[in-house]
Amino acid sequence: MTTLQLDNELDYQMGLIASNYKLKRKVLDYIKSLTAPLNSAKISAAKHDDGLIHIDPTIPLPSDKYVGMITAPREDDDKALEDYLSDKYNLR
């Protein structure tokens, strides 16, 4: 069966199901049973809480745009950012 034939058959069958409440209910229950393992994996991952606040490292902190403005300019921006964050969070 080609993709076009499959799509047409699915569209035809969905039309029949859409007109009958009992069939809709059965199809919905069946679909839920098929996707239950996928949903349970998402739910268990979402419920995991280690008590920490996780910050996305790709999103800059509001104060990070000021790195290097007060100190002398450096060629190595990564080192400047590391120094800034170390001073800010007393990691030394």
N, C-alpha and C. Protein backbone atom coordinates (compact mmCIF):
# COMPACT_ATOMS: atom_id res chain seq x y z
N MET A 1 0.85 -1.17 0.00
CA MET A 1 0.00 0.00 0.00
C MET A 1 0.91 1.24 0.00
N THR A 2 0.67 2.16 -0.90
CA THR A 2 1.48 3.37 -0.97
C THR A 2 1.04 4.34 0.12
N THR A 3 1.84 5.36 0.34
CA THR A 3 1.51 6.36 1.35
C THR A 3 0.20 7.07 1.01
N LEU A 4 0.00 7.36 -0.25
CA LEU A 4 -1.23 8.02 -0.68
C LEU A 4 -2.44 7.13 -0.41
N GLN A 5 -2.32 5.85 -0.72
CA GLN A 5 -3.42 4.93 -0.47
C GLN A 5 -3.67 4.79 1.03
N LEU A 6 -2.61 4.72 1.80
CA LEU A 6 -2.74 4.62 3.25
C LEU A 6 -3.45 5.85 3.82
N ASP A 7 -3.03 7.04 3.35
CA ASP A 7 -3.67 8.28 3.81
C ASP A 7 -5.15 8.32 3.44
N ASN A 8 -5.48 7.89 2.23
CA ASN A 8 -6.87 7.89 1.79
C ASN A 8 -7.71 6.91 2.61
N GLU A 9 -7.16 5.73 2.88
CA GLU A 9 -7.88 4.74 3.67
C GLU A 9 -8.09 5.23 5.10
N LEU A 10 -7.04 5.84 5.67
CA LEU A 10 -7.16 6.38 7.02
C LEU A 10 -8.22 7.49 7.07
N ASP A 11 -8.22 8.35 6.07
CA ASP A 11 -9.22 9.43 6.01
C ASP A 11 -10.63 8.85 5.91
N TYR A 12 -10.80 7.82 5.09
CA TYR A 12 -12.11 7.19 4.94
C TYR A 12 -12.57 6.57 6.27
N GLN A 13 -11.67 5.83 6.92
CA GLN A 13 -12.02 5.17 8.17
C GLN A 13 -12.31 6.20 9.27
N MET A 14 -11.54 7.27 9.30
CA MET A 14 -11.77 8.31 10.31
C MET A 14 -13.13 8.98 10.09
N GLY A 15 -13.54 9.10 8.85
CA GLY A 15 -14.86 9.64 8.56
C GLY A 15 -15.97 8.77 9.13
N LEU A 16 -15.79 7.45 8.99
CA LEU A 16 -16.78 6.52 9.55
C LEU A 16 -16.79 6.59 11.08
N ILE A 17 -15.61 6.67 11.67
CA ILE A 17 -15.51 6.70 13.14
C ILE A 17 -16.07 8.01 13.68
N ALA A 18 -15.82 9.12 12.98
CA ALA A 18 -16.27 10.43 13.46
C ALA A 18 -17.78 10.53 13.58
N SER A 19 -18.49 9.74 12.81
CA SER A 19 -19.95 9.82 12.84
C SER A 19 -20.57 8.90 13.90
N ASN A 20 -19.77 8.14 14.63
CA ASN A 20 -20.30 7.20 15.60
C ASN A 20 -19.59 7.38 16.94
N TYR A 21 -20.33 7.80 17.96
CA TYR A 21 -19.75 8.10 19.28
C TYR A 21 -19.10 6.87 19.91
N LYS A 22 -19.76 5.72 19.83
CA LYS A 22 -19.21 4.50 20.45
C LYS A 22 -17.89 4.08 19.80
N LEU A 23 -17.82 4.21 18.47
CA LEU A 23 -16.56 3.89 17.79
C LEU A 23 -15.46 4.87 18.18
N LYS A 24 -15.81 6.15 18.30
CA LYS A 24 -14.81 7.14 18.72
C LYS A 24 -14.23 6.78 20.08
N ARG A 25 -15.12 6.37 20.98
CA ARG A 25 -14.69 6.02 22.34
C ARG A 25 -13.74 4.81 22.31
N LYS A 26 -14.09 3.78 21.51
CA LYS A 26 -13.26 2.58 21.40
C LYS A 26 -11.90 2.91 20.80
N VAL A 27 -11.91 3.73 19.76
CA VAL A 27 -10.65 4.11 19.10
C VAL A 27 -9.77 4.91 20.06
N LEU A 28 -10.36 5.82 20.79
CA LEU A 28 -9.60 6.62 21.74
C LEU A 28 -8.98 5.75 22.83
N ASP A 29 -9.74 4.80 23.36
CA ASP A 29 -9.21 3.88 24.37
C ASP A 29 -8.06 3.04 23.81
N TYR A 30 -8.22 2.60 22.57
CA TYR A 30 -7.17 1.79 21.94
C TYR A 30 -5.90 2.63 21.72
N ILE A 31 -6.07 3.84 21.25
CA ILE A 31 -4.91 4.71 21.03
C ILE A 31 -4.19 4.99 22.34
N LYS A 32 -4.94 5.21 23.40
CA LYS A 32 -4.33 5.44 24.71
C LYS A 32 -3.54 4.22 25.17
N SER A 33 -4.06 3.02 24.89
CA SER A 33 -3.33 1.81 25.29
C SER A 33 -2.04 1.66 24.49
N LEU A 34 -2.05 2.10 23.23
CA LEU A 34 -0.84 2.04 22.42
C LEU A 34 0.23 3.02 22.89
N THR A 35 -0.20 4.21 23.29
CA THR A 35 0.76 5.25 23.68
C THR A 35 1.04 5.31 25.17
N ALA A 36 0.45 4.41 25.95
CA ALA A 36 0.66 4.42 27.40
C ALA A 36 2.14 4.30 27.80
N PRO A 37 2.93 3.42 27.18
CA PRO A 37 4.34 3.35 27.56
C PRO A 37 5.09 4.65 27.31
N LEU A 38 4.75 5.34 26.25
CA LEU A 38 5.40 6.61 25.94
C LEU A 38 5.03 7.67 26.96
N ASN A 39 3.75 7.73 27.32
CA ASN A 39 3.29 8.72 28.29
C ASN A 39 3.85 8.46 29.68
N SER A 40 3.96 7.20 30.08
CA SER A 40 4.46 6.90 31.42
C SER A 40 5.94 7.27 31.53
N ALA A 41 6.70 7.14 30.46
CA ALA A 41 8.11 7.52 30.48
C ALA A 41 8.24 9.03 30.66
N LYS A 42 7.40 9.81 29.98
CA LYS A 42 7.44 11.27 30.11
C LYS A 42 7.04 11.69 31.52
N ILE A 43 6.02 11.05 32.06
CA ILE A 43 5.52 11.42 33.39
C ILE A 43 6.57 11.10 34.44
N SER A 44 7.21 9.93 34.35
CA SER A 44 8.21 9.57 35.35
C SER A 44 9.42 10.50 35.26
N ALA A 45 9.78 10.92 34.06
CA ALA A 45 10.90 11.85 33.92
C ALA A 45 10.53 13.22 34.47
N ALA A 46 9.29 13.62 34.28
CA ALA A 46 8.86 14.93 34.76
C ALA A 46 8.72 14.96 36.28
N LYS A 47 8.43 13.82 36.90
CA LYS A 47 8.24 13.79 38.34
C LYS A 47 9.55 13.73 39.11
N HIS A 48 10.66 13.45 38.42
CA HIS A 48 11.95 13.36 39.10
C HIS A 48 12.34 14.74 39.60
N ASP A 49 12.51 14.86 40.91
CA ASP A 49 12.89 16.14 41.50
C ASP A 49 14.05 15.91 42.45
N ASP A 50 15.19 16.49 42.12
CA ASP A 50 16.35 16.32 42.98
C ASP A 50 16.51 17.50 43.95
N GLY A 51 15.56 18.41 43.95
CA GLY A 51 15.59 19.53 44.88
C GLY A 51 16.47 20.68 44.44
N LEU A 52 17.08 20.57 43.28
CA LEU A 52 17.96 21.63 42.78
C LEU A 52 17.25 22.48 41.75
N ILE A 53 17.71 23.68 41.61
CA ILE A 53 17.21 24.55 40.56
C ILE A 53 18.15 24.40 39.38
N HIS A 54 17.63 23.94 38.25
CA HIS A 54 18.46 23.73 37.07
C HIS A 54 18.34 24.92 36.14
N ILE A 55 19.49 25.47 35.80
CA ILE A 55 19.55 26.64 34.93
C ILE A 55 20.06 26.21 33.57
N ASP A 56 19.40 26.62 32.53
CA ASP A 56 19.83 26.31 31.18
C ASP A 56 21.08 27.12 30.87
N PRO A 57 22.22 26.46 30.62
CA PRO A 57 23.46 27.20 30.39
C PRO A 57 23.47 27.99 29.09
N THR A 58 22.52 27.70 28.18
CA THR A 58 22.49 28.44 26.93
C THR A 58 21.82 29.81 27.09
N ILE A 59 21.12 30.01 28.19
CA ILE A 59 20.46 31.30 28.45
C ILE A 59 21.36 32.11 29.36
N PRO A 60 21.82 33.26 28.91
CA PRO A 60 22.73 34.05 29.74
C PRO A 60 22.02 34.68 30.93
N LEU A 61 22.77 34.87 32.00
CA LEU A 61 22.24 35.58 33.16
C LEU A 61 22.13 37.06 32.80
N PRO A 62 21.21 37.80 33.41
CA PRO A 62 21.07 39.22 33.07
C PRO A 62 22.35 40.01 33.29
N SER A 63 23.12 39.63 34.29
CA SER A 63 24.35 40.38 34.59
C SER A 63 25.53 39.95 33.74
N ASP A 64 25.42 38.86 33.00
CA ASP A 64 26.55 38.38 32.21
C ASP A 64 26.90 39.29 31.04
N LYS A 65 25.99 40.15 30.63
CA LYS A 65 26.31 41.03 29.51
C LYS A 65 27.33 42.10 29.91
N TYR A 66 27.58 42.24 31.22
CA TYR A 66 28.52 43.24 31.69
C TYR A 66 29.94 42.69 31.89
N VAL A 67 30.14 41.40 31.57
CA VAL A 67 31.46 40.80 31.74
C VAL A 67 32.47 41.55 30.88
N GLY A 68 33.57 41.95 31.50
CA GLY A 68 34.64 42.62 30.78
C GLY A 68 34.47 44.11 30.62
N MET A 69 33.36 44.68 31.06
CA MET A 69 33.17 46.12 30.89
C MET A 69 33.96 46.91 31.94
N ILE A 70 34.14 46.35 33.13
CA ILE A 70 34.83 47.07 34.19
C ILE A 70 36.32 46.73 34.18
N THR A 71 36.64 45.48 33.93
CA THR A 71 38.04 45.08 33.90
C THR A 71 38.63 45.35 32.53
N ALA A 72 39.94 45.21 32.44
CA ALA A 72 40.62 45.42 31.16
C ALA A 72 40.13 44.40 30.15
N PRO A 73 40.04 44.78 28.88
CA PRO A 73 39.57 43.83 27.87
C PRO A 73 40.56 42.66 27.72
N ARG A 74 40.00 41.46 27.50
CA ARG A 74 40.81 40.26 27.34
C ARG A 74 40.48 39.60 26.01
N GLU A 75 41.46 38.93 25.48
CA GLU A 75 41.22 38.21 24.23
C GLU A 75 40.47 36.91 24.50
N ASP A 76 40.69 36.34 25.66
CA ASP A 76 40.07 35.07 25.99
C ASP A 76 38.78 35.31 26.77
N ASP A 77 37.65 35.38 26.07
CA ASP A 77 36.37 35.66 26.72
C ASP A 77 35.93 34.56 27.65
N ASP A 78 36.27 33.30 27.32
CA ASP A 78 35.88 32.19 28.19
C ASP A 78 36.56 32.32 29.55
N LYS A 79 37.82 32.72 29.55
CA LYS A 79 38.54 32.91 30.81
C LYS A 79 37.92 34.07 31.58
N ALA A 80 37.54 35.14 30.90
CA ALA A 80 36.91 36.28 31.56
C ALA A 80 35.58 35.87 32.19
N LEU A 81 34.80 35.08 31.47
CA LEU A 81 33.52 34.63 32.01
C LEU A 81 33.75 33.72 33.22
N GLU A 82 34.74 32.85 33.15
CA GLU A 82 35.04 31.97 34.27
C GLU A 82 35.47 32.78 35.49
N ASP A 83 36.32 33.79 35.29
CA ASP A 83 36.75 34.65 36.39
C ASP A 83 35.57 35.41 36.99
N TYR A 84 34.70 35.91 36.14
CA TYR A 84 33.54 36.67 36.59
C TYR A 84 32.62 35.80 37.44
N LEU A 85 32.31 34.61 36.94
CA LEU A 85 31.40 33.74 37.67
C LEU A 85 32.05 33.22 38.96
N SER A 86 33.35 32.99 38.94
CA SER A 86 34.06 32.56 40.15
C SER A 86 33.99 33.64 41.22
N ASP A 87 34.22 34.90 40.81
CA ASP A 87 34.13 36.01 41.78
C ASP A 87 32.71 36.18 42.27
N LYS A 88 31.75 36.06 41.36
CA LYS A 88 30.35 36.30 41.71
C LYS A 88 29.85 35.25 42.70
N TYR A 89 30.22 34.02 42.50
CA TYR A 89 29.70 32.95 43.36
C TYR A 89 30.74 32.44 44.37
N ASN A 90 31.82 33.19 44.56
CA ASN A 90 32.87 32.88 45.55
C ASN A 90 33.36 31.43 45.41
N LEU A 91 33.75 31.07 44.21
CA LEU A 91 34.19 29.70 43.98
C LEU A 91 35.70 29.54 44.12
N ARG A 92 36.39 30.56 44.51
CA ARG A 92 37.85 30.47 44.68
C ARG A 92 38.21 30.18 46.09
